Amino acid sequence: MQKHPASIEEIRKIIVEYVRERDWEQFHNPKDVALSLVLESSEVLEHFQWKSPEEMASYVKSNRDDIGEELADVLYWVILLSHYLDLDLPAAFIKKMEQNRKKYPVEKAKGSHAKYTKYQ
């Protein structure tokens, strides 16, 4: 797989330019952009529906590009929504990871799938 390093900001600029060139901002509001995000997320799920773990392993190998395109669609809508809401997505991500580290400390969470409210 070829790597294309790009920051979130670079990707945001590409998306915003793409939308503006097509005059699509007039159709975008947070609700509809969020709906598009959910719809695209569902398309990711379709790749795994009704497949056993063995089937998924084989399927992923032969459908990597298609799955990658669906994940790219999800990323597109996440970044576009954060743009419209004027959210600093990298800062929000770092803040959320800090919260997650507190909720799921290694000494309690390692090897466990339990929700943080279930820790003893």
PDB file of N, CA and C in Angstrom:
ATOM      1  N   MET A   1       0.845  -1.168   0.000  1.00  0.00           N
ATOM      2  CA  MET A   1       0.000   0.000   0.000  1.00  0.00           C
ATOM      3  C   MET A   1       0.894   1.236   0.000  1.00  0.00           C
ATOM      4  N   GLN A   2       0.627   2.141  -0.910  1.00  0.00           N
ATOM      5  CA  GLN A   2       1.398   3.377  -1.008  1.00  0.00           C
ATOM      6  C   GLN A   2       0.909   4.363   0.055  1.00  0.00           C
ATOM      7  N   LYS A   3       1.855   4.997   0.732  1.00  0.00           N
ATOM      8  CA  LYS A   3       1.523   5.958   1.780  1.00  0.00           C
ATOM      9  C   LYS A   3       1.495   7.359   1.195  1.00  0.00           C
ATOM     10  N   HIS A   4       0.519   8.126   1.609  1.00  0.00           N
ATOM     11  CA  HIS A   4       0.384   9.521   1.206  1.00  0.00           C
ATOM     12  C   HIS A   4       0.264  10.354   2.468  1.00  0.00           C
ATOM     13  N   PRO A   5       1.384  10.786   3.023  1.00  0.00           N
ATOM     14  CA  PRO A   5       1.292  11.540   4.278  1.00  0.00           C
ATOM     15  C   PRO A   5       0.571  12.868   4.079  1.00  0.00           C
ATOM     16  N   ALA A   6      -0.409  13.106   4.909  1.00  0.00           N
ATOM     17  CA  ALA A   6      -1.155  14.365   4.871  1.00  0.00           C
ATOM     18  C   ALA A   6      -1.697  14.625   6.266  1.00  0.00           C
ATOM     19  N   SER A   7      -1.660  15.857   6.664  1.00  0.00           N
ATOM     20  CA  SER A   7      -2.214  16.218   7.960  1.00  0.00           C
ATOM     21  C   SER A   7      -3.729  16.333   7.851  1.00  0.00           C
ATOM     22  N   ILE A   8      -4.377  16.345   8.990  1.00  0.00           N
ATOM     23  CA  ILE A   8      -5.822  16.570   9.006  1.00  0.00           C
ATOM     24  C   ILE A   8      -6.138  17.905   8.340  1.00  0.00           C
ATOM     25  N   GLU A   9      -5.311  18.901   8.598  1.00  0.00           N
ATOM     26  CA  GLU A   9      -5.541  20.226   8.011  1.00  0.00           C
ATOM     27  C   GLU A   9      -5.433  20.181   6.486  1.00  0.00           C
ATOM     28  N   GLU A  10      -4.460  19.445   5.965  1.00  0.00           N
ATOM     29  CA  GLU A  10      -4.322  19.319   4.511  1.00  0.00           C
ATOM     30  C   GLU A  10      -5.534  18.605   3.911  1.00  0.00           C
ATOM     31  N   ILE A  11      -5.994  17.577   4.578  1.00  0.00           N
ATOM     32  CA  ILE A  11      -7.177  16.856   4.108  1.00  0.00           C
ATOM     33  C   ILE A  11      -8.398  17.761   4.173  1.00  0.00           C
ATOM     34  N   ARG A  12      -8.532  18.531   5.246  1.00  0.00           N
ATOM     35  CA  ARG A  12      -9.656  19.462   5.386  1.00  0.00           C
ATOM     36  C   ARG A  12      -9.681  20.452   4.216  1.00  0.00           C
ATOM     37  N   LYS A  13      -8.533  20.988   3.870  1.00  0.00           N
ATOM     38  CA  LYS A  13      -8.458  21.945   2.756  1.00  0.00           C
ATOM     39  C   LYS A  13      -8.884  21.304   1.442  1.00  0.00           C
ATOM     40  N   ILE A  14      -8.477  20.076   1.211  1.00  0.00           N
ATOM     41  CA  ILE A  14      -8.857  19.359  -0.007  1.00  0.00           C
ATOM     42  C   ILE A  14     -10.372  19.171  -0.045  1.00  0.00           C
ATOM     43  N   ILE A  15     -10.956  18.775   1.072  1.00  0.00           N
ATOM     44  CA  ILE A  15     -12.399  18.549   1.136  1.00  0.00           C
ATOM     45  C   ILE A  15     -13.159  19.848   0.917  1.00  0.00           C
ATOM     46  N   VAL A  16     -12.761  20.905   1.614  1.00  0.00           N
ATOM     47  CA  VAL A  16     -13.467  22.192   1.502  1.00  0.00           C
ATOM     48  C   VAL A  16     -13.380  22.723   0.078  1.00  0.00           C
ATOM     49  N   GLU A  17     -12.220  22.610  -0.541  1.00  0.00           N
ATOM     50  CA  GLU A  17     -12.072  23.052  -1.932  1.00  0.00           C
ATOM     51  C   GLU A  17     -12.991  22.246  -2.848  1.00  0.00           C
ATOM     52  N   TYR A  18     -13.037  20.952  -2.647  1.00  0.00           N
ATOM     53  CA  TYR A  18     -13.882  20.061  -3.440  1.00  0.00           C
ATOM     54  C   TYR A  18     -15.354  20.473  -3.331  1.00  0.00           C
ATOM     55  N   VAL A  19     -15.803  20.730  -2.107  1.00  0.00           N
ATOM     56  CA  VAL A  19     -17.197  21.125  -1.872  1.00  0.00           C
ATOM     57  C   VAL A  19     -17.488  22.485  -2.500  1.00  0.00           C
ATOM     58  N   ARG A  20     -16.599  23.435  -2.307  1.00  0.00           N
ATOM     59  CA  ARG A  20     -16.818  24.794  -2.825  1.00  0.00           C
ATOM     60  C   ARG A  20     -16.822  24.824  -4.350  1.00  0.00           C
ATOM     61  N   GLU A  21     -15.955  24.041  -4.968  1.00  0.00           N
ATOM     62  CA  GLU A  21     -15.920  23.990  -6.432  1.00  0.00           C
ATOM     63  C   GLU A  21     -17.264  23.544  -7.009  1.00  0.00           C
ATOM     64  N   ARG A  22     -17.976  22.751  -6.255  1.00  0.00           N
ATOM     65  CA  ARG A  22     -19.245  22.199  -6.720  1.00  0.00           C
ATOM     66  C   ARG A  22     -20.447  22.970  -6.176  1.00  0.00           C
ATOM     67  N   ASP A  23     -20.194  24.000  -5.399  1.00  0.00           N
ATOM     68  CA  ASP A  23     -21.248  24.808  -4.792  1.00  0.00           C
ATOM     69  C   ASP A  23     -22.205  23.947  -3.962  1.00  0.00           C
ATOM     70  N   TRP A  24     -21.637  23.048  -3.170  1.00  0.00           N
ATOM     71  CA  TRP A  24     -22.446  22.140  -2.364  1.00  0.00           C
ATOM     72  C   TRP A  24     -22.681  22.638  -0.950  1.00  0.00           C
ATOM     73  N   GLU A  25     -21.972  23.685  -0.540  1.00  0.00           N
ATOM     74  CA  GLU A  25     -22.161  24.176   0.826  1.00  0.00           C
ATOM     75  C   GLU A  25     -23.621  24.525   1.093  1.00  0.00           C
ATOM     76  N   GLN A  26     -24.327  24.960   0.060  1.00  0.00           N
ATOM     77  CA  GLN A  26     -25.736  25.323   0.212  1.00  0.00           C
ATOM     78  C   GLN A  26     -26.596  24.150   0.666  1.00  0.00           C
ATOM     79  N   PHE A  27     -26.139  22.932   0.439  1.00  0.00           N
ATOM     80  CA  PHE A  27     -26.897  21.742   0.816  1.00  0.00           C
ATOM     81  C   PHE A  27     -26.463  21.163   2.157  1.00  0.00           C
ATOM     82  N   HIS A  28     -25.381  21.701   2.697  1.00  0.00           N
ATOM     83  CA  HIS A  28     -24.798  21.112   3.897  1.00  0.00           C
ATOM     84  C   HIS A  28     -25.213  21.865   5.148  1.00  0.00           C
ATOM     85  N   ASN A  29     -25.744  21.128   6.083  1.00  0.00           N
ATOM     86  CA  ASN A  29     -26.000  21.631   7.428  1.00  0.00           C
ATOM     87  C   ASN A  29     -25.552  20.520   8.371  1.00  0.00           C
ATOM     88  N   PRO A  30     -25.296  20.830   9.628  1.00  0.00           N
ATOM     89  CA  PRO A  30     -24.765  19.794  10.518  1.00  0.00           C
ATOM     90  C   PRO A  30     -25.597  18.511  10.561  1.00  0.00           C
ATOM     91  N   LYS A  31     -26.909  18.634  10.553  1.00  0.00           N
ATOM     92  CA  LYS A  31     -27.754  17.434  10.614  1.00  0.00           C
ATOM     93  C   LYS A  31     -27.519  16.539   9.400  1.00  0.00           C
ATOM     94  N   ASP A  32     -27.562  17.109   8.206  1.00  0.00           N
ATOM     95  CA  ASP A  32     -27.418  16.297   7.003  1.00  0.00           C
ATOM     96  C   ASP A  32     -26.004  15.760   6.820  1.00  0.00           C
ATOM     97  N   VAL A  33     -25.026  16.532   7.236  1.00  0.00           N
ATOM     98  CA  VAL A  33     -23.647  16.038   7.174  1.00  0.00           C
ATOM     99  C   VAL A  33     -23.476  14.882   8.165  1.00  0.00           C
ATOM    100  N   ALA A  34     -24.056  15.017   9.368  1.00  0.00           N
ATOM    101  CA  ALA A  34     -23.995  13.929  10.347  1.00  0.00           C
ATOM    102  C   ALA A  34     -24.722  12.689   9.828  1.00  0.00           C
ATOM    103  N   LEU A  35     -25.853  12.878   9.170  1.00  0.00           N
ATOM    104  CA  LEU A  35     -26.564  11.742   8.571  1.00  0.00           C
ATOM    105  C   LEU A  35     -25.704  11.061   7.513  1.00  0.00           C
ATOM    106  N   SER A  36     -25.031  11.843   6.694  1.00  0.00           N
ATOM    107  CA  SER A  36     -24.150  11.266   5.680  1.00  0.00           C
ATOM    108  C   SER A  36     -23.029  10.463   6.326  1.00  0.00           C
ATOM    109  N   LEU A  37     -22.516  10.949   7.440  1.00  0.00           N
ATOM    110  CA  LEU A  37     -21.477  10.229   8.180  1.00  0.00           C
ATOM    111  C   LEU A  37     -21.995   8.864   8.636  1.00  0.00           C
ATOM    112  N   VAL A  38     -23.191   8.838   9.186  1.00  0.00           N
ATOM    113  CA  VAL A  38     -23.770   7.572   9.648  1.00  0.00           C
ATOM    114  C   VAL A  38     -24.024   6.632   8.473  1.00  0.00           C
ATOM    115  N   LEU A  39     -24.540   7.158   7.386  1.00  0.00           N
ATOM    116  CA  LEU A  39     -24.798   6.323   6.211  1.00  0.00           C
ATOM    117  C   LEU A  39     -23.511   5.707   5.673  1.00  0.00           C
ATOM    118  N   GLU A  40     -22.461   6.499   5.597  1.00  0.00           N
ATOM    119  CA  GLU A  40     -21.179   5.968   5.118  1.00  0.00           C
ATOM    120  C   GLU A  40     -20.609   4.945   6.097  1.00  0.00           C
ATOM    121  N   SER A  41     -20.790   5.180   7.389  1.00  0.00           N
ATOM    122  CA  SER A  41     -20.341   4.207   8.390  1.00  0.00           C
ATOM    123  C   SER A  41     -21.052   2.874   8.202  1.00  0.00           C
ATOM    124  N   SER A  42     -22.322   2.939   7.856  1.00  0.00           N
ATOM    125  CA  SER A  42     -23.090   1.719   7.602  1.00  0.00           C
ATOM    126  C   SER A  42     -22.539   0.958   6.401  1.00  0.00           C
ATOM    127  N   GLU A  43     -22.048   1.695   5.426  1.00  0.00           N
ATOM    128  CA  GLU A  43     -21.464   1.027   4.260  1.00  0.00           C
ATOM    129  C   GLU A  43     -20.184   0.283   4.626  1.00  0.00           C
ATOM    130  N   VAL A  44     -19.469   0.764   5.628  1.00  0.00           N
ATOM    131  CA  VAL A  44     -18.311   0.017   6.131  1.00  0.00           C
ATOM    132  C   VAL A  44     -18.805  -1.301   6.734  1.00  0.00           C
ATOM    133  N   LEU A  45     -19.856  -1.207   7.530  1.00  0.00           N
ATOM    134  CA  LEU A  45     -20.389  -2.403   8.196  1.00  0.00           C
ATOM    135  C   LEU A  45     -20.858  -3.471   7.211  1.00  0.00           C
ATOM    136  N   GLU A  46     -21.378  -3.039   6.083  1.00  0.00           N
ATOM    137  CA  GLU A  46     -21.863  -3.999   5.092  1.00  0.00           C
ATOM    138  C   GLU A  46     -20.777  -4.979   4.665  1.00  0.00           C
ATOM    139  N   HIS A  47     -19.548  -4.543   4.695  1.00  0.00           N
ATOM    140  CA  HIS A  47     -18.452  -5.429   4.288  1.00  0.00           C
ATOM    141  C   HIS A  47     -18.276  -6.606   5.238  1.00  0.00           C
ATOM    142  N   PHE A  48     -18.751  -6.473   6.459  1.00  0.00           N
ATOM    143  CA  PHE A  48     -18.521  -7.502   7.470  1.00  0.00           C
ATOM    144  C   PHE A  48     -19.784  -8.261   7.867  1.00  0.00           C
ATOM    145  N   GLN A  49     -20.920  -7.801   7.393  1.00  0.00           N
ATOM    146  CA  GLN A  49     -22.189  -8.417   7.759  1.00  0.00           C
ATOM    147  C   GLN A  49     -22.251  -9.860   7.284  1.00  0.00           C
ATOM    148  N   TRP A  50     -22.707 -10.720   8.175  1.00  0.00           N
ATOM    149  CA  TRP A  50     -22.981 -12.131   7.901  1.00  0.00           C
ATOM    150  C   TRP A  50     -21.733 -12.957   7.600  1.00  0.00           C
ATOM    151  N   LYS A  51     -20.577 -12.452   7.943  1.00  0.00           N
ATOM    152  CA  LYS A  51     -19.346 -13.201   7.673  1.00  0.00           C
ATOM    153  C   LYS A  51     -18.764 -13.743   8.976  1.00  0.00           C
ATOM    154  N   SER A  52     -18.309 -14.978   8.921  1.00  0.00           N
ATOM    155  CA  SER A  52     -17.622 -15.570  10.064  1.00  0.00           C
ATOM    156  C   SER A  52     -16.219 -14.959  10.157  1.00  0.00           C
ATOM    157  N   PRO A  53     -15.534 -15.140  11.278  1.00  0.00           N
ATOM    158  CA  PRO A  53     -14.153 -14.623  11.358  1.00  0.00           C
ATOM    159  C   PRO A  53     -13.261 -15.151  10.236  1.00  0.00           C
ATOM    160  N   GLU A  54     -13.444 -16.395   9.857  1.00  0.00           N
ATOM    161  CA  GLU A  54     -12.642 -16.963   8.777  1.00  0.00           C
ATOM    162  C   GLU A  54     -12.975 -16.293   7.443  1.00  0.00           C
ATOM    163  N   GLU A  55     -14.247 -16.095   7.187  1.00  0.00           N
ATOM    164  CA  GLU A  55     -14.666 -15.430   5.960  1.00  0.00           C
ATOM    165  C   GLU A  55     -14.176 -13.988   5.913  1.00  0.00           C
ATOM    166  N   MET A  56     -14.212 -13.308   7.062  1.00  0.00           N
ATOM    167  CA  MET A  56     -13.764 -11.918   7.106  1.00  0.00           C
ATOM    168  C   MET A  56     -12.286 -11.799   6.768  1.00  0.00           C
ATOM    169  N   ALA A  57     -11.476 -12.698   7.287  1.00  0.00           N
ATOM    170  CA  ALA A  57     -10.040 -12.639   7.015  1.00  0.00           C
ATOM    171  C   ALA A  57      -9.773 -12.717   5.523  1.00  0.00           C
ATOM    172  N   SER A  58     -10.432 -13.635   4.860  1.00  0.00           N
ATOM    173  CA  SER A  58     -10.261 -13.784   3.416  1.00  0.00           C
ATOM    174  C   SER A  58     -10.855 -12.590   2.677  1.00  0.00           C
ATOM    175  N   TYR A  59     -12.031 -12.160   3.098  1.00  0.00           N
ATOM    176  CA  TYR A  59     -12.730 -11.057   2.441  1.00  0.00           C
ATOM    177  C   TYR A  59     -11.913  -9.767   2.515  1.00  0.00           C
ATOM    178  N   VAL A  60     -11.368  -9.484   3.677  1.00  0.00           N
ATOM    179  CA  VAL A  60     -10.588  -8.251   3.845  1.00  0.00           C
ATOM    180  C   VAL A  60      -9.398  -8.236   2.894  1.00  0.00           C
ATOM    181  N   LYS A  61      -8.729  -9.366   2.755  1.00  0.00           N
ATOM    182  CA  LYS A  61      -7.579  -9.432   1.853  1.00  0.00           C
ATOM    183  C   LYS A  61      -7.967  -9.119   0.412  1.00  0.00           C
ATOM    184  N   SER A  62      -9.105  -9.609  -0.014  1.00  0.00           N
ATOM    185  CA  SER A  62      -9.496  -9.425  -1.413  1.00  0.00           C
ATOM    186  C   SER A  62     -10.308  -8.152  -1.660  1.00  0.00           C
ATOM    187  N   ASN A  63     -10.697  -7.446  -0.590  1.00  0.00           N
ATOM    188  CA  ASN A  63     -11.528  -6.246  -0.746  1.00  0.00           C
ATOM    189  C   ASN A  63     -10.957  -5.030  -0.024  1.00  0.00           C
ATOM    190  N   ARG A  64      -9.656  -5.028   0.184  1.00  0.00           N
ATOM    191  CA  ARG A  64      -9.009  -3.930   0.921  1.00  0.00           C
ATOM    192  C   ARG A  64      -9.298  -2.562   0.309  1.00  0.00           C
ATOM    193  N   ASP A  65      -9.222  -2.461  -0.987  1.00  0.00           N
ATOM    194  CA  ASP A  65      -9.440  -1.163  -1.643  1.00  0.00           C
ATOM    195  C   ASP A  65     -10.867  -0.664  -1.422  1.00  0.00           C
ATOM    196  N   ASP A  66     -11.843  -1.552  -1.563  1.00  0.00           N
ATOM    197  CA  ASP A  66     -13.239  -1.158  -1.360  1.00  0.00           C
ATOM    198  C   ASP A  66     -13.479  -0.711   0.085  1.00  0.00           C
ATOM    199  N   ILE A  67     -12.938  -1.450   1.028  1.00  0.00           N
ATOM    200  CA  ILE A  67     -13.083  -1.087   2.439  1.00  0.00           C
ATOM    201  C   ILE A  67     -12.391   0.247   2.700  1.00  0.00           C
ATOM    202  N   GLY A  68     -11.208   0.425   2.122  1.00  0.00           N
ATOM    203  CA  GLY A  68     -10.481   1.689   2.272  1.00  0.00           C
ATOM    204  C   GLY A  68     -11.269   2.868   1.725  1.00  0.00           C
ATOM    205  N   GLU A  69     -11.951   2.667   0.607  1.00  0.00           N
ATOM    206  CA  GLU A  69     -12.772   3.742   0.037  1.00  0.00           C
ATOM    207  C   GLU A  69     -13.921   4.106   0.965  1.00  0.00           C
ATOM    208  N   GLU A  70     -14.535   3.104   1.576  1.00  0.00           N
ATOM    209  CA  GLU A  70     -15.630   3.387   2.512  1.00  0.00           C
ATOM    210  C   GLU A  70     -15.112   4.117   3.752  1.00  0.00           C
ATOM    211  N   LEU A  71     -13.967   3.697   4.253  1.00  0.00           N
ATOM    212  CA  LEU A  71     -13.379   4.393   5.409  1.00  0.00           C
ATOM    213  C   LEU A  71     -12.998   5.822   5.043  1.00  0.00           C
ATOM    214  N   ALA A  72     -12.524   6.025   3.815  1.00  0.00           N
ATOM    215  CA  ALA A  72     -12.207   7.379   3.353  1.00  0.00           C
ATOM    216  C   ALA A  72     -13.462   8.244   3.298  1.00  0.00           C
ATOM    217  N   ASP A  73     -14.589   7.652   2.891  1.00  0.00           N
ATOM    218  CA  ASP A  73     -15.852   8.388   2.895  1.00  0.00           C
ATOM    219  C   ASP A  73     -16.234   8.811   4.313  1.00  0.00           C
ATOM    220  N   VAL A  74     -16.043   7.923   5.270  1.00  0.00           N
ATOM    221  CA  VAL A  74     -16.337   8.251   6.675  1.00  0.00           C
ATOM    222  C   VAL A  74     -15.434   9.402   7.130  1.00  0.00           C
ATOM    223  N   LEU A  75     -14.154   9.304   6.816  1.00  0.00           N
ATOM    224  CA  LEU A  75     -13.213  10.361   7.191  1.00  0.00           C
ATOM    225  C   LEU A  75     -13.612  11.692   6.566  1.00  0.00           C
ATOM    226  N   TYR A  76     -14.018  11.660   5.312  1.00  0.00           N
ATOM    227  CA  TYR A  76     -14.475  12.858   4.606  1.00  0.00           C
ATOM    228  C   TYR A  76     -15.561  13.563   5.410  1.00  0.00           C
ATOM    229  N   TRP A  77     -16.585  12.822   5.812  1.00  0.00           N
ATOM    230  CA  TRP A  77     -17.716  13.432   6.513  1.00  0.00           C
ATOM    231  C   TRP A  77     -17.346  13.871   7.920  1.00  0.00           C
ATOM    232  N   VAL A  78     -16.483  13.132   8.601  1.00  0.00           N
ATOM    233  CA  VAL A  78     -16.016  13.546   9.936  1.00  0.00           C
ATOM    234  C   VAL A  78     -15.289  14.878   9.830  1.00  0.00           C
ATOM    235  N   ILE A  79     -14.385  14.978   8.887  1.00  0.00           N
ATOM    236  CA  ILE A  79     -13.599  16.203   8.739  1.00  0.00           C
ATOM    237  C   ILE A  79     -14.483  17.358   8.273  1.00  0.00           C
ATOM    238  N   LEU A  80     -15.403  17.092   7.356  1.00  0.00           N
ATOM    239  CA  LEU A  80     -16.280  18.163   6.887  1.00  0.00           C
ATOM    240  C   LEU A  80     -17.187  18.661   8.018  1.00  0.00           C
ATOM    241  N   LEU A  81     -17.727  17.767   8.821  1.00  0.00           N
ATOM    242  CA  LEU A  81     -18.570  18.181   9.943  1.00  0.00           C
ATOM    243  C   LEU A  81     -17.771  18.999  10.952  1.00  0.00           C
ATOM    244  N   SER A  82     -16.558  18.572  11.244  1.00  0.00           N
ATOM    245  CA  SER A  82     -15.729  19.342  12.179  1.00  0.00           C
ATOM    246  C   SER A  82     -15.417  20.719  11.611  1.00  0.00           C
ATOM    247  N   HIS A  83     -15.262  20.813  10.287  1.00  0.00           N
ATOM    248  CA  HIS A  83     -15.030  22.111   9.640  1.00  0.00           C
ATOM    249  C   HIS A  83     -16.243  23.025   9.815  1.00  0.00           C
ATOM    250  N   TYR A  84     -17.416  22.502   9.506  1.00  0.00           N
ATOM    251  CA  TYR A  84     -18.626  23.322   9.611  1.00  0.00           C
ATOM    252  C   TYR A  84     -18.912  23.746  11.050  1.00  0.00           C
ATOM    253  N   LEU A  85     -18.534  22.930  12.009  1.00  0.00           N
ATOM    254  CA  LEU A  85     -18.769  23.257  13.419  1.00  0.00           C
ATOM    255  C   LEU A  85     -17.599  24.016  14.043  1.00  0.00           C
ATOM    256  N   ASP A  86     -16.578  24.295  13.215  1.00  0.00           N
ATOM    257  CA  ASP A  86     -15.382  25.006  13.664  1.00  0.00           C
ATOM    258  C   ASP A  86     -14.743  24.331  14.878  1.00  0.00           C
ATOM    259  N   LEU A  87     -14.609  23.017  14.773  1.00  0.00           N
ATOM    260  CA  LEU A  87     -13.975  22.224  15.824  1.00  0.00           C
ATOM    261  C   LEU A  87     -12.537  21.907  15.431  1.00  0.00           C
ATOM    262  N   ASP A  88     -11.659  22.008  16.381  1.00  0.00           N
ATOM    263  CA  ASP A  88     -10.273  21.611  16.176  1.00  0.00           C
ATOM    264  C   ASP A  88     -10.212  20.103  16.404  1.00  0.00           C
ATOM    265  N   LEU A  89     -10.337  19.345  15.333  1.00  0.00           N
ATOM    266  CA  LEU A  89     -10.432  17.895  15.433  1.00  0.00           C
ATOM    267  C   LEU A  89      -9.208  17.256  16.090  1.00  0.00           C
ATOM    268  N   PRO A  90      -7.978  17.631  15.717  1.00  0.00           N
ATOM    269  CA  PRO A  90      -6.830  17.041  16.415  1.00  0.00           C
ATOM    270  C   PRO A  90      -6.848  17.334  17.919  1.00  0.00           C
ATOM    271  N   ALA A  91      -7.220  18.551  18.303  1.00  0.00           N
ATOM    272  CA  ALA A  91      -7.281  18.891  19.735  1.00  0.00           C
ATOM    273  C   ALA A  91      -8.374  18.078  20.430  1.00  0.00           C
ATOM    274  N   ALA A  92      -9.529  17.935  19.771  1.00  0.00           N
ATOM    275  CA  ALA A  92     -10.617  17.136  20.342  1.00  0.00           C
ATOM    276  C   ALA A  92     -10.187  15.680  20.500  1.00  0.00           C
ATOM    277  N   PHE A  93      -9.433  15.182  19.516  1.00  0.00           N
ATOM    278  CA  PHE A  93      -8.954  13.805  19.579  1.00  0.00           C
ATOM    279  C   PHE A  93      -7.997  13.615  20.757  1.00  0.00           C
ATOM    280  N   ILE A  94      -7.038  14.518  20.904  1.00  0.00           N
ATOM    281  CA  ILE A  94      -6.068  14.409  22.005  1.00  0.00           C
ATOM    282  C   ILE A  94      -6.784  14.472  23.344  1.00  0.00           C
ATOM    283  N   LYS A  95      -7.720  15.402  23.483  1.00  0.00           N
ATOM    284  CA  LYS A  95      -8.486  15.529  24.724  1.00  0.00           C
ATOM    285  C   LYS A  95      -9.251  14.239  25.022  1.00  0.00           C
ATOM    286  N   LYS A  96      -9.897  13.682  24.008  1.00  0.00           N
ATOM    287  CA  LYS A  96     -10.661  12.451  24.194  1.00  0.00           C
ATOM    288  C   LYS A  96      -9.760  11.282  24.565  1.00  0.00           C
ATOM    289  N   MET A  97      -8.581  11.193  23.961  1.00  0.00           N
ATOM    290  CA  MET A  97      -7.654  10.114  24.308  1.00  0.00           C
ATOM    291  C   MET A  97      -7.172  10.251  25.749  1.00  0.00           C
ATOM    292  N   GLU A  98      -6.968  11.481  26.197  1.00  0.00           N
ATOM    293  CA  GLU A  98      -6.592  11.696  27.602  1.00  0.00           C
ATOM    294  C   GLU A  98      -7.703  11.204  28.523  1.00  0.00           C
ATOM    295  N   GLN A  99      -8.943  11.506  28.181  1.00  0.00           N
ATOM    296  CA  GLN A  99     -10.079  11.024  28.970  1.00  0.00           C
ATOM    297  C   GLN A  99     -10.137   9.497  28.959  1.00  0.00           C
ATOM    298  N   ASN A 100      -9.928   8.913  27.776  1.00  0.00           N
ATOM    299  CA  ASN A 100      -9.960   7.452  27.660  1.00  0.00           C
ATOM    300  C   ASN A 100      -8.859   6.804  28.489  1.00  0.00           C
ATOM    301  N   ARG A 101      -7.672   7.408  28.513  1.00  0.00           N
ATOM    302  CA  ARG A 101      -6.573   6.850  29.313  1.00  0.00           C
ATOM    303  C   ARG A 101      -6.937   6.830  30.796  1.00  0.00           C
ATOM    304  N   LYS A 102      -7.680   7.829  31.254  1.00  0.00           N
ATOM    305  CA  LYS A 102      -8.122   7.859  32.657  1.00  0.00           C
ATOM    306  C   LYS A 102      -9.218   6.832  32.914  1.00  0.00           C
ATOM    307  N   LYS A 103     -10.135   6.689  31.953  1.00  0.00           N
ATOM    308  CA  LYS A 103     -11.225   5.724  32.099  1.00  0.00           C
ATOM    309  C   LYS A 103     -10.727   4.289  32.036  1.00  0.00           C
ATOM    310  N   TYR A 104      -9.739   4.065  31.184  1.00  0.00           N
ATOM    311  CA  TYR A 104      -9.231   2.726  30.932  1.00  0.00           C
ATOM    312  C   TYR A 104      -7.742   2.644  31.239  1.00  0.00           C
ATOM    313  N   PRO A 105      -7.364   2.742  32.525  1.00  0.00           N
ATOM    314  CA  PRO A 105      -5.939   2.647  32.848  1.00  0.00           C
ATOM    315  C   PRO A 105      -5.416   1.245  32.506  1.00  0.00           C
ATOM    316  N   VAL A 106      -4.190   1.194  32.070  1.00  0.00           N
ATOM    317  CA  VAL A 106      -3.601  -0.075  31.612  1.00  0.00           C
ATOM    318  C   VAL A 106      -3.740  -1.158  32.668  1.00  0.00           C
ATOM    319  N   GLU A 107      -3.474  -0.812  33.909  1.00  0.00           N
ATOM    320  CA  GLU A 107      -3.497  -1.842  34.964  1.00  0.00           C
ATOM    321  C   GLU A 107      -4.882  -2.458  35.162  1.00  0.00           C
ATOM    322  N   LYS A 108      -5.940  -1.786  34.752  1.00  0.00           N
ATOM    323  CA  LYS A 108      -7.289  -2.332  34.879  1.00  0.00           C
ATOM    324  C   LYS A 108      -7.844  -2.826  33.543  1.00  0.00           C
ATOM    325  N   ALA A 109      -7.459  -2.198  32.465  1.00  0.00           N
ATOM    326  CA  ALA A 109      -8.087  -2.485  31.175  1.00  0.00           C
ATOM    327  C   ALA A 109      -7.349  -3.506  30.323  1.00  0.00           C
ATOM    328  N   LYS A 110      -6.077  -3.705  30.583  1.00  0.00           N
ATOM    329  CA  LYS A 110      -5.288  -4.573  29.704  1.00  0.00           C
ATOM    330  C   LYS A 110      -5.888  -5.973  29.612  1.00  0.00           C
ATOM    331  N   GLY A 111      -6.199  -6.372  28.393  1.00  0.00           N
ATOM    332  CA  GLY A 111      -6.729  -7.701  28.137  1.00  0.00           C
ATOM    333  C   GLY A 111      -8.202  -7.867  28.478  1.00  0.00           C
ATOM    334  N   SER A 112      -8.880  -6.780  28.835  1.00  0.00           N
ATOM    335  CA  SER A 112     -10.283  -6.855  29.227  1.00  0.00           C
ATOM    336  C   SER A 112     -11.136  -6.027  28.264  1.00  0.00           C
ATOM    337  N   HIS A 113     -12.319  -6.513  27.958  1.00  0.00           N
ATOM    338  CA  HIS A 113     -13.239  -5.758  27.119  1.00  0.00           C
ATOM    339  C   HIS A 113     -14.338  -5.085  27.951  1.00  0.00           C
ATOM    340  N   ALA A 114     -14.216  -5.168  29.284  1.00  0.00           N
ATOM    341  CA  ALA A 114     -15.225  -4.600  30.177  1.00  0.00           C
ATOM    342  C   ALA A 114     -15.276  -3.083  30.056  1.00  0.00           C
ATOM    343  N   LYS A 115     -16.471  -2.534  30.171  1.00  0.00           N
ATOM    344  CA  LYS A 115     -16.640  -1.088  30.188  1.00  0.00           C
ATOM    345  C   LYS A 115     -16.052  -0.555  31.491  1.00  0.00           C
ATOM    346  N   TYR A 116     -15.543   0.667  31.445  1.00  0.00           N
ATOM    347  CA  TYR A 116     -14.859   1.250  32.602  1.00  0.00           C
ATOM    348  C   TYR A 116     -15.752   1.271  33.853  1.00  0.00           C
ATOM    349  N   THR A 117     -17.055   1.329  33.695  1.00  0.00           N
ATOM    350  CA  THR A 117     -17.953   1.348  34.857  1.00  0.00           C
ATOM    351  C   THR A 117     -18.019  -0.008  35.550  1.00  0.00           C
ATOM    352  N   LYS A 118     -17.470  -1.031  34.931  1.00  0.00           N
ATOM    353  CA  LYS A 118     -17.503  -2.380  35.489  1.00  0.00           C
ATOM    354  C   LYS A 118     -16.210  -2.756  36.208  1.00  0.00           C
ATOM    355  N   TYR A 119     -15.223  -1.856  36.231  1.00  0.00           N
ATOM    356  CA  TYR A 119     -13.977  -2.171  36.924  1.00  0.00           C
ATOM    357  C   TYR A 119     -14.209  -2.189  38.426  1.00  0.00           C
ATOM    358  N   GLN A 120     -13.553  -3.100  39.073  1.00  0.00           N
ATOM    359  CA  GLN A 120     -13.654  -3.242  40.541  1.00  0.00           C
ATOM    360  C   GLN A 120     -12.590  -2.414  41.226  1.00  0.00           C
TER     361      GLN A 120
END
